[in-house]
PDB file of all heavy atoms in Angstrom:
ATOM      1  N   LYS A   1       1.962   6.078  -5.615  1.00  0.00           N
ATOM      2  CA  LYS A   1       2.290   7.056  -4.522  1.00  0.00           C
ATOM      3  C   LYS A   1       1.063   7.940  -4.178  1.00  0.00           C
ATOM      4  O   LYS A   1       0.862   8.197  -2.995  1.00  0.00           O
ATOM      5  CB  LYS A   1       3.465   7.982  -4.873  1.00  0.00           C
ATOM      6  CG  LYS A   1       4.761   7.214  -5.243  1.00  0.00           C
ATOM      7  CD  LYS A   1       5.231   6.323  -4.038  1.00  0.00           C
ATOM      8  CE  LYS A   1       6.498   5.652  -4.388  1.00  0.00           C
ATOM      9  NZ  LYS A   1       6.802   4.564  -3.469  1.00  0.00           N
ATOM     10  N   ALA A   2       0.262   8.277  -5.160  1.00  0.00           N
ATOM     11  CA  ALA A   2      -0.924   9.044  -4.865  1.00  0.00           C
ATOM     12  C   ALA A   2      -1.909   8.293  -4.031  1.00  0.00           C
ATOM     13  O   ALA A   2      -2.488   8.872  -3.058  1.00  0.00           O
ATOM     14  CB  ALA A   2      -1.547   9.590  -6.141  1.00  0.00           C
ATOM     15  N   GLY A   3      -2.157   7.016  -4.238  1.00  0.00           N
ATOM     16  CA  GLY A   3      -3.000   6.235  -3.495  1.00  0.00           C
ATOM     17  C   GLY A   3      -2.446   6.019  -2.024  1.00  0.00           C
ATOM     18  O   GLY A   3      -3.267   6.131  -1.158  1.00  0.00           O
ATOM     19  N   ILE A   4      -1.199   5.694  -2.005  1.00  0.00           N
ATOM     20  CA  ILE A   4      -0.677   5.601  -0.627  1.00  0.00           C
ATOM     21  C   ILE A   4      -0.850   6.835   0.186  1.00  0.00           C
ATOM     22  O   ILE A   4      -1.158   6.822   1.423  1.00  0.00           O
ATOM     23  CB  ILE A   4       0.813   5.121  -0.767  1.00  0.00           C
ATOM     24  CG1 ILE A   4       0.868   3.780  -1.347  1.00  0.00           C
ATOM     25  CG2 ILE A   4       1.573   5.271   0.598  1.00  0.00           C
ATOM     26  CD1 ILE A   4       2.281   3.416  -1.784  1.00  0.00           C
ATOM     27  N   HIS A   5      -0.530   8.034  -0.432  1.00  0.00           N
ATOM     28  CA  HIS A   5      -0.736   9.269   0.293  1.00  0.00           C
ATOM     29  C   HIS A   5      -2.152   9.486   0.718  1.00  0.00           C
ATOM     30  O   HIS A   5      -2.340   9.940   1.919  1.00  0.00           O
ATOM     31  CB  HIS A   5      -0.215  10.431  -0.706  1.00  0.00           C
ATOM     32  CG  HIS A   5      -0.297  11.697  -0.021  1.00  0.00           C
ATOM     33  ND1 HIS A   5       0.533  12.182   0.995  1.00  0.00           N
ATOM     34  CD2 HIS A   5      -1.145  12.796  -0.267  1.00  0.00           C
ATOM     35  CE1 HIS A   5       0.193  13.406   1.428  1.00  0.00           C
ATOM     36  NE2 HIS A   5      -0.865  13.797   0.646  1.00  0.00           N
ATOM     37  N   ALA A   6      -3.090   9.253  -0.138  1.00  0.00           N
ATOM     38  CA  ALA A   6      -4.549   9.361   0.233  1.00  0.00           C
ATOM     39  C   ALA A   6      -4.870   8.394   1.372  1.00  0.00           C
ATOM     40  O   ALA A   6      -5.580   8.839   2.411  1.00  0.00           O
ATOM     41  CB  ALA A   6      -5.440   9.076  -0.989  1.00  0.00           C
ATOM     42  N   TYR A   7      -4.426   7.128   1.425  1.00  0.00           N
ATOM     43  CA  TYR A   7      -4.681   6.222   2.441  1.00  0.00           C
ATOM     44  C   TYR A   7      -4.099   6.741   3.769  1.00  0.00           C
ATOM     45  O   TYR A   7      -4.694   6.581   4.810  1.00  0.00           O
ATOM     46  CB  TYR A   7      -4.265   4.813   2.079  1.00  0.00           C
ATOM     47  CG  TYR A   7      -4.906   4.235   0.898  1.00  0.00           C
ATOM     48  CD1 TYR A   7      -4.157   3.571  -0.056  1.00  0.00           C
ATOM     49  CD2 TYR A   7      -6.274   4.392   0.663  1.00  0.00           C
ATOM     50  CE1 TYR A   7      -4.791   3.033  -1.196  1.00  0.00           C
ATOM     51  CE2 TYR A   7      -6.945   3.838  -0.434  1.00  0.00           C
ATOM     52  CZ  TYR A   7      -6.100   3.154  -1.389  1.00  0.00           C
ATOM     53  OH  TYR A   7      -6.740   2.599  -2.468  1.00  0.00           O
ATOM     54  N   GLU A   8      -2.849   7.151   3.691  1.00  0.00           N
ATOM     55  CA  GLU A   8      -2.155   7.677   4.911  1.00  0.00           C
ATOM     56  C   GLU A   8      -2.972   8.923   5.520  1.00  0.00           C
ATOM     57  O   GLU A   8      -3.065   9.039   6.709  1.00  0.00           O
ATOM     58  CB  GLU A   8      -0.737   8.049   4.654  1.00  0.00           C
ATOM     59  CG  GLU A   8       0.195   6.899   4.360  1.00  0.00           C
ATOM     60  CD  GLU A   8       1.555   7.166   3.955  1.00  0.00           C
ATOM     61  OE1 GLU A   8       1.798   8.339   3.355  1.00  0.00           O
ATOM     62  OE2 GLU A   8       2.421   6.357   4.153  1.00  0.00           O
ATOM     63  N   LYS A   9      -3.414   9.777   4.661  1.00  0.00           N
ATOM     64  CA  LYS A   9      -4.146  10.946   5.095  1.00  0.00           C
ATOM     65  C   LYS A   9      -5.463  10.584   5.842  1.00  0.00           C
ATOM     66  O   LYS A   9      -5.913  11.159   6.729  1.00  0.00           O
ATOM     67  CB  LYS A   9      -4.445  11.946   3.943  1.00  0.00           C
ATOM     68  CG  LYS A   9      -3.268  12.813   3.530  1.00  0.00           C
ATOM     69  CD  LYS A   9      -3.674  13.637   2.322  1.00  0.00           C
ATOM     70  CE  LYS A   9      -4.796  14.634   2.589  1.00  0.00           C
ATOM     71  NZ  LYS A   9      -5.031  15.591   1.485  1.00  0.00           N
ATOM     72  N   ALA A  10      -6.039   9.433   5.330  1.00  0.00           N
ATOM     73  CA  ALA A  10      -7.238   8.929   5.971  1.00  0.00           C
ATOM     74  C   ALA A  10      -7.051   8.159   7.184  1.00  0.00           C
ATOM     75  O   ALA A  10      -8.019   7.950   7.895  1.00  0.00           O
ATOM     76  CB  ALA A  10      -8.047   8.143   4.929  1.00  0.00           C
ATOM     77  N   GLY A  11      -5.802   7.756   7.498  1.00  0.00           N
ATOM     78  CA  GLY A  11      -5.555   7.000   8.770  1.00  0.00           C
ATOM     79  C   GLY A  11      -4.954   5.730   8.621  1.00  0.00           C
ATOM     80  O   GLY A  11      -4.685   4.970   9.633  1.00  0.00           O
ATOM     81  N   PHE A  12      -4.604   5.307   7.407  1.00  0.00           N
ATOM     82  CA  PHE A  12      -3.978   4.014   7.243  1.00  0.00           C
ATOM     83  C   PHE A  12      -2.472   4.093   7.467  1.00  0.00           C
ATOM     84  O   PHE A  12      -1.855   5.025   7.265  1.00  0.00           O
ATOM     85  CB  PHE A  12      -4.209   3.438   5.782  1.00  0.00           C
ATOM     86  CG  PHE A  12      -5.520   2.774   5.632  1.00  0.00           C
ATOM     87  CD1 PHE A  12      -6.581   3.503   5.180  1.00  0.00           C
ATOM     88  CD2 PHE A  12      -5.658   1.425   5.857  1.00  0.00           C
ATOM     89  CE1 PHE A  12      -7.875   2.890   4.976  1.00  0.00           C
ATOM     90  CE2 PHE A  12      -6.923   0.796   5.643  1.00  0.00           C
ATOM     91  CZ  PHE A  12      -7.985   1.570   5.213  1.00  0.00           C
ATOM     92  N   CYS A  13      -1.837   2.931   7.983  1.00  0.00           N
ATOM     93  CA  CYS A  13      -0.403   2.866   8.222  1.00  0.00           C
ATOM     94  C   CYS A  13       0.126   1.677   7.474  1.00  0.00           C
ATOM     95  O   CYS A  13      -0.641   0.712   7.369  1.00  0.00           O
ATOM     96  CB  CYS A  13      -0.229   2.726   9.721  1.00  0.00           C
ATOM     97  SG  CYS A  13      -0.736   4.067  10.720  1.00  0.00           S
ATOM     98  N   ALA A  14       1.386   1.710   7.130  1.00  0.00           N
ATOM     99  CA  ALA A  14       2.014   0.594   6.501  1.00  0.00           C
ATOM    100  C   ALA A  14       2.082  -0.597   7.439  1.00  0.00           C
ATOM    101  O   ALA A  14       2.374  -0.432   8.618  1.00  0.00           O
ATOM    102  CB  ALA A  14       3.449   0.972   6.054  1.00  0.00           C
ATOM    103  N   ALA A  15       1.769  -1.770   6.952  1.00  0.00           N
ATOM    104  CA  ALA A  15       1.749  -2.991   7.814  1.00  0.00           C
ATOM    105  C   ALA A  15       2.651  -4.027   7.289  1.00  0.00           C
ATOM    106  O   ALA A  15       2.985  -4.921   7.957  1.00  0.00           O
ATOM    107  CB  ALA A  15       0.322  -3.450   7.978  1.00  0.00           C
ATOM    108  N   GLY A  16       3.010  -3.969   5.954  1.00  0.00           N
ATOM    109  CA  GLY A  16       3.898  -4.958   5.381  1.00  0.00           C
ATOM    110  C   GLY A  16       3.987  -4.923   3.929  1.00  0.00           C
ATOM    111  O   GLY A  16       3.288  -4.079   3.258  1.00  0.00           O
ATOM    112  N   THR A  17       4.801  -5.776   3.391  1.00  0.00           N
ATOM    113  CA  THR A  17       5.033  -5.802   1.855  1.00  0.00           C
ATOM    114  C   THR A  17       4.886  -7.234   1.439  1.00  0.00           C
ATOM    115  O   THR A  17       5.415  -8.190   1.970  1.00  0.00           O
ATOM    116  CB  THR A  17       6.396  -5.261   1.553  1.00  0.00           C
ATOM    117  OG1 THR A  17       6.546  -3.967   2.055  1.00  0.00           O
ATOM    118  CG2 THR A  17       6.646  -5.354   0.011  1.00  0.00           C
ATOM    119  N   ILE A  18       4.141  -7.406   0.297  1.00  0.00           N
ATOM    120  CA  ILE A  18       4.048  -8.606  -0.425  1.00  0.00           C
ATOM    121  C   ILE A  18       4.897  -8.450  -1.687  1.00  0.00           C
ATOM    122  O   ILE A  18       4.535  -7.674  -2.566  1.00  0.00           O
ATOM    123  CB  ILE A  18       2.652  -9.027  -0.795  1.00  0.00           C
ATOM    124  CG1 ILE A  18       1.752  -9.008   0.419  1.00  0.00           C
ATOM    125  CG2 ILE A  18       2.605 -10.398  -1.432  1.00  0.00           C
ATOM    126  CD1 ILE A  18       0.300  -9.128   0.169  1.00  0.00           C
ATOM    127  N   ARG A  19       6.010  -9.150  -1.653  1.00  0.00           N
ATOM    128  CA  ARG A  19       7.038  -8.843  -2.766  1.00  0.00           C
ATOM    129  C   ARG A  19       6.639  -9.419  -4.043  1.00  0.00           C
ATOM    130  O   ARG A  19       6.113 -10.496  -4.108  1.00  0.00           O
ATOM    131  CB  ARG A  19       8.384  -9.399  -2.322  1.00  0.00           C
ATOM    132  CG  ARG A  19       8.911  -8.771  -1.031  1.00  0.00           C
ATOM    133  CD  ARG A  19      10.267  -9.234  -0.484  1.00  0.00           C
ATOM    134  NE  ARG A  19      10.174 -10.727  -0.333  1.00  0.00           N
ATOM    135  CZ  ARG A  19      11.257 -11.537  -0.381  1.00  0.00           C
ATOM    136  NH1 ARG A  19      12.472 -11.065  -0.594  1.00  0.00           N
ATOM    137  NH2 ARG A  19      11.127 -12.789  -0.108  1.00  0.00           N
ATOM    138  N   GLU A  20       6.863  -8.578  -5.165  1.00  0.00           N
ATOM    139  CA  GLU A  20       6.631  -8.945  -6.482  1.00  0.00           C
ATOM    140  C   GLU A  20       5.105  -9.516  -6.638  1.00  0.00           C
ATOM    141  O   GLU A  20       5.002 -10.438  -7.505  1.00  0.00           O
ATOM    142  CB  GLU A  20       7.674  -9.897  -7.021  1.00  0.00           C
ATOM    143  CG  GLU A  20       9.049  -9.277  -7.031  1.00  0.00           C
ATOM    144  CD  GLU A  20      10.138 -10.155  -7.604  1.00  0.00           C
ATOM    145  OE1 GLU A  20       9.824 -11.228  -8.243  1.00  0.00           O
ATOM    146  OE2 GLU A  20      11.292  -9.797  -7.525  1.00  0.00           O
ATOM    147  N   ALA A  21       4.192  -8.927  -6.019  1.00  0.00           N
ATOM    148  CA  ALA A  21       2.834  -9.475  -6.091  1.00  0.00           C
ATOM    149  C   ALA A  21       1.976  -8.780  -7.246  1.00  0.00           C
ATOM    150  O   ALA A  21       0.807  -9.257  -7.425  1.00  0.00           O
ATOM    151  CB  ALA A  21       2.168  -9.329  -4.789  1.00  0.00           C
ATOM    152  N   GLY A  22       2.467  -7.752  -7.817  1.00  0.00           N
ATOM    153  CA  GLY A  22       1.624  -7.055  -8.705  1.00  0.00           C
ATOM    154  C   GLY A  22       2.432  -6.513  -9.956  1.00  0.00           C
ATOM    155  O   GLY A  22       3.596  -6.744 -10.145  1.00  0.00           O
ATOM    156  N   TYR A  23       1.697  -5.785 -10.819  1.00  0.00           N
ATOM    157  CA  TYR A  23       2.228  -5.224 -12.050  1.00  0.00           C
ATOM    158  C   TYR A  23       1.839  -3.780 -11.980  1.00  0.00           C
ATOM    159  O   TYR A  23       0.658  -3.443 -11.716  1.00  0.00           O
ATOM    160  CB  TYR A  23       1.721  -5.887 -13.327  1.00  0.00           C
ATOM    161  CG  TYR A  23       2.334  -7.112 -13.602  1.00  0.00           C
ATOM    162  CD1 TYR A  23       1.840  -8.303 -13.144  1.00  0.00           C
ATOM    163  CD2 TYR A  23       3.629  -7.211 -14.293  1.00  0.00           C
ATOM    164  CE1 TYR A  23       2.348  -9.593 -13.477  1.00  0.00           C
ATOM    165  CE2 TYR A  23       4.180  -8.367 -14.626  1.00  0.00           C
ATOM    166  CZ  TYR A  23       3.546  -9.636 -14.189  1.00  0.00           C
ATOM    167  OH  TYR A  23       4.144 -10.810 -14.486  1.00  0.00           O
ATOM    168  N   TRP A  24       2.771  -2.842 -12.397  1.00  0.00           N
ATOM    169  CA  TRP A  24       2.534  -1.412 -12.586  1.00  0.00           C
ATOM    170  C   TRP A  24       3.155  -1.067 -13.881  1.00  0.00           C
ATOM    171  O   TRP A  24       4.356  -1.159 -14.134  1.00  0.00           O
ATOM    172  CB  TRP A  24       3.176  -0.654 -11.410  1.00  0.00           C
ATOM    173  CG  TRP A  24       2.938   0.858 -11.461  1.00  0.00           C
ATOM    174  CD1 TRP A  24       3.807   1.729 -12.044  1.00  0.00           C
ATOM    175  CD2 TRP A  24       1.905   1.542 -10.992  1.00  0.00           C
ATOM    176  NE1 TRP A  24       3.294   3.004 -11.854  1.00  0.00           N
ATOM    177  CE2 TRP A  24       2.097   2.953 -11.163  1.00  0.00           C
ATOM    178  CE3 TRP A  24       0.751   1.225 -10.233  1.00  0.00           C
ATOM    179  CZ2 TRP A  24       1.264   3.984 -10.798  1.00  0.00           C
ATOM    180  CZ3 TRP A  24      -0.123   2.267  -9.878  1.00  0.00           C
ATOM    181  CH2 TRP A  24       0.120   3.605 -10.122  1.00  0.00           C
ATOM    182  N   LEU A  25       2.317  -0.680 -14.808  1.00  0.00           N
ATOM    183  CA  LEU A  25       2.781  -0.234 -16.229  1.00  0.00           C
ATOM    184  C   LEU A  25       3.531  -1.298 -16.803  1.00  0.00           C
ATOM    185  O   LEU A  25       4.569  -1.080 -17.389  1.00  0.00           O
ATOM    186  CB  LEU A  25       3.462   1.064 -16.081  1.00  0.00           C
ATOM    187  CG  LEU A  25       2.745   2.287 -15.537  1.00  0.00           C
ATOM    188  CD1 LEU A  25       3.564   3.555 -15.409  1.00  0.00           C
ATOM    189  CD2 LEU A  25       1.482   2.588 -16.355  1.00  0.00           C
ATOM    190  N   GLY A  26       3.096  -2.566 -16.588  1.00  0.00           N
ATOM    191  CA  GLY A  26       3.805  -3.673 -17.265  1.00  0.00           C
ATOM    192  C   GLY A  26       4.993  -4.240 -16.503  1.00  0.00           C
ATOM    193  O   GLY A  26       5.683  -5.182 -17.031  1.00  0.00           O
ATOM    194  N   GLN A  27       5.430  -3.601 -15.432  1.00  0.00           N
ATOM    195  CA  GLN A  27       6.618  -4.110 -14.636  1.00  0.00           C
ATOM    196  C   GLN A  27       6.197  -4.640 -13.386  1.00  0.00           C
ATOM    197  O   GLN A  27       5.205  -4.249 -12.711  1.00  0.00           O
ATOM    198  CB  GLN A  27       7.480  -2.924 -14.345  1.00  0.00           C
ATOM    199  CG  GLN A  27       7.964  -2.064 -15.566  1.00  0.00           C
ATOM    200  CD  GLN A  27       8.878  -2.974 -16.459  1.00  0.00           C
ATOM    201  OE1 GLN A  27       9.796  -3.658 -15.904  1.00  0.00           O
ATOM    202  NE2 GLN A  27       8.580  -3.076 -17.720  1.00  0.00           N
ATOM    203  N   VAL A  28       6.852  -5.738 -12.933  1.00  0.00           N
ATOM    204  CA  VAL A  28       6.568  -6.425 -11.699  1.00  0.00           C
ATOM    205  C   VAL A  28       6.860  -5.410 -10.542  1.00  0.00           C
ATOM    206  O   VAL A  28       7.831  -4.686 -10.593  1.00  0.00           O
ATOM    207  CB  VAL A  28       7.467  -7.689 -11.512  1.00  0.00           C
ATOM    208  CG1 VAL A  28       7.338  -8.304 -10.118  1.00  0.00           C
ATOM    209  CG2 VAL A  28       7.029  -8.705 -12.526  1.00  0.00           C
ATOM    210  N   CYS A  29       6.039  -5.381  -9.560  1.00  0.00           N
ATOM    211  CA  CYS A  29       6.224  -4.453  -8.332  1.00  0.00           C
ATOM    212  C   CYS A  29       5.717  -5.164  -7.160  1.00  0.00           C
ATOM    213  O   CYS A  29       4.927  -6.104  -7.176  1.00  0.00           O
ATOM    214  CB  CYS A  29       5.514  -3.167  -8.584  1.00  0.00           C
ATOM    215  SG  CYS A  29       3.762  -3.254  -8.633  1.00  0.00           S
ATOM    216  N   ASP A  30       6.119  -4.594  -5.980  1.00  0.00           N
ATOM    217  CA  ASP A  30       5.626  -5.006  -4.739  1.00  0.00           C
ATOM    218  C   ASP A  30       4.205  -4.478  -4.421  1.00  0.00           C
ATOM    219  O   ASP A  30       3.694  -3.488  -5.009  1.00  0.00           O
ATOM    220  CB  ASP A  30       6.546  -4.599  -3.588  1.00  0.00           C
ATOM    221  CG  ASP A  30       7.863  -5.153  -3.641  1.00  0.00           C
ATOM    222  OD1 ASP A  30       8.114  -6.219  -4.266  1.00  0.00           O
ATOM    223  OD2 ASP A  30       8.780  -4.662  -2.914  1.00  0.00           O
ATOM    224  N   GLU A  31       3.547  -5.150  -3.560  1.00  0.00           N
ATOM    225  CA  GLU A  31       2.165  -4.791  -3.126  1.00  0.00           C
ATOM    226  C   GLU A  31       2.321  -4.479  -1.604  1.00  0.00           C
ATOM    227  O   GLU A  31       2.933  -5.285  -0.848  1.00  0.00           O
ATOM    228  CB  GLU A  31       1.165  -5.861  -3.275  1.00  0.00           C
ATOM    229  CG  GLU A  31      -0.229  -5.350  -3.364  1.00  0.00           C
ATOM    230  CD  GLU A  31      -1.161  -6.488  -3.998  1.00  0.00           C
ATOM    231  OE1 GLU A  31      -0.833  -7.643  -3.733  1.00  0.00           O
ATOM    232  OE2 GLU A  31      -2.124  -6.150  -4.669  1.00  0.00           O
ATOM    233  N   LEU A  32       1.877  -3.312  -1.167  1.00  0.00           N
ATOM    234  CA  LEU A  32       2.005  -2.902   0.212  1.00  0.00           C
ATOM    235  C   LEU A  32       0.673  -3.305   0.889  1.00  0.00           C
ATOM    236  O   LEU A  32      -0.432  -3.069   0.336  1.00  0.00           O
ATOM    237  CB  LEU A  32       2.209  -1.437   0.413  1.00  0.00           C
ATOM    238  CG  LEU A  32       3.421  -0.852  -0.336  1.00  0.00           C
ATOM    239  CD1 LEU A  32       3.552   0.646  -0.093  1.00  0.00           C
ATOM    240  CD2 LEU A  32       4.707  -1.599   0.151  1.00  0.00           C
ATOM    241  N   VAL A  33       0.739  -3.690   2.143  1.00  0.00           N
ATOM    242  CA  VAL A  33      -0.440  -3.903   3.000  1.00  0.00           C
ATOM    243  C   VAL A  33      -0.529  -2.709   3.974  1.00  0.00           C
ATOM    244  O   VAL A  33       0.558  -2.378   4.577  1.00  0.00           O
ATOM    245  CB  VAL A  33      -0.366  -5.197   3.700  1.00  0.00           C
ATOM    246  CG1 VAL A  33      -1.604  -5.453   4.647  1.00  0.00           C
ATOM    247  CG2 VAL A  33      -0.252  -6.447   2.672  1.00  0.00           C
ATOM    248  N   MET A  34      -1.685  -2.185   4.108  1.00  0.00           N
ATOM    249  CA  MET A  34      -1.855  -0.974   5.032  1.00  0.00           C
ATOM    250  C   MET A  34      -3.072  -1.393   5.901  1.00  0.00           C
ATOM    251  O   MET A  34      -3.987  -2.112   5.521  1.00  0.00           O
ATOM    252  CB  MET A  34      -2.102   0.284   4.245  1.00  0.00           C
ATOM    253  CG  MET A  34      -0.889   0.694   3.303  1.00  0.00           C
ATOM    254  SD  MET A  34      -1.184   2.196   2.500  1.00  0.00           S
ATOM    255  CE  MET A  34      -0.773   3.313   3.803  1.00  0.00           C
ATOM    256  N   ASP A  35      -3.075  -0.812   7.065  1.00  0.00           N
ATOM    257  CA  ASP A  35      -4.235  -1.091   8.041  1.00  0.00           C
ATOM    258  C   ASP A  35      -4.579   0.123   8.815  1.00  0.00           C
ATOM    259  O   ASP A  35      -3.757   1.065   9.002  1.00  0.00           O
ATOM    260  CB  ASP A  35      -4.013  -2.259   8.973  1.00  0.00           C
ATOM    261  CG  ASP A  35      -2.810  -2.082   9.900  1.00  0.00           C
ATOM    262  OD1 ASP A  35      -2.382  -0.984  10.161  1.00  0.00           O
ATOM    263  OD2 ASP A  35      -2.397  -3.128  10.488  1.00  0.00           O
ATOM    264  N   ALA A  36      -5.778   0.237   9.263  1.00  0.00           N
ATOM    265  CA  ALA A  36      -6.283   1.220  10.199  1.00  0.00           C
ATOM    266  C   ALA A  36      -7.026   0.605  11.314  1.00  0.00           C
ATOM    267  O   ALA A  36      -7.775  -0.395  11.125  1.00  0.00           O
ATOM    268  CB  ALA A  36      -7.218   2.219   9.442  1.00  0.00           C
ATOM    269  N   LEU A  37      -6.744   1.054  12.544  1.00  0.00           N
ATOM    270  CA  LEU A  37      -7.396   0.473  13.708  1.00  0.00           C
ATOM    271  C   LEU A  37      -8.364   1.385  14.280  1.00  0.00           C
ATOM    272  O   LEU A  37      -8.223   2.678  14.244  1.00  0.00           O
ATOM    273  CB  LEU A  37      -6.291   0.245  14.781  1.00  0.00           C
ATOM    274  CG  LEU A  37      -5.185  -0.744  14.446  1.00  0.00           C
ATOM    275  CD1 LEU A  37      -4.139  -0.843  15.581  1.00  0.00           C
ATOM    276  CD2 LEU A  37      -5.712  -2.076  14.100  1.00  0.00           C
ATOM    277  N   SER A  38      -9.506   0.843  14.767  1.00  0.00           N
ATOM    278  CA  SER A  38     -10.618   1.607  15.281  1.00  0.00           C
ATOM    279  C   SER A  38     -10.103   2.567  16.418  1.00  0.00           C
ATOM    280  O   SER A  38     -10.440   3.708  16.494  1.00  0.00           O
ATOM    281  CB  SER A  38     -11.685   0.760  15.839  1.00  0.00           C
ATOM    282  OG  SER A  38     -12.665   1.468  16.509  1.00  0.00           O
ATOM    283  N   ARG A  39      -9.225   2.021  17.335  1.00  0.00           N
ATOM    284  CA  ARG A  39      -8.844   2.761  18.439  1.00  0.00           C
ATOM    285  C   ARG A  39      -7.903   3.984  18.070  1.00  0.00           C
ATOM    286  O   ARG A  39      -7.655   4.873  18.870  1.00  0.00           O
ATOM    287  CB  ARG A  39      -8.051   1.950  19.485  1.00  0.00           C
ATOM    288  CG  ARG A  39      -6.752   1.252  19.030  1.00  0.00           C
ATOM    289  CD  ARG A  39      -6.214   0.332  20.174  1.00  0.00           C
ATOM    290  NE  ARG A  39      -5.334  -0.579  19.561  1.00  0.00           N
ATOM    291  CZ  ARG A  39      -3.958  -0.363  19.337  1.00  0.00           C
ATOM    292  NH1 ARG A  39      -3.503   0.861  19.578  1.00  0.00           N
ATOM    293  NH2 ARG A  39      -3.166  -1.292  18.916  1.00  0.00           N
TER     294      ARG A  39
END
């Protein structure tokens, strides 16, 4: 959540989810894709 908040403050937006693509504290979790556009 802290990383997502920092990226949003800098201008990134949610673009999609890669389901069950990672691990967080030993538990399977989703990975979010975020993007920022020049315009």
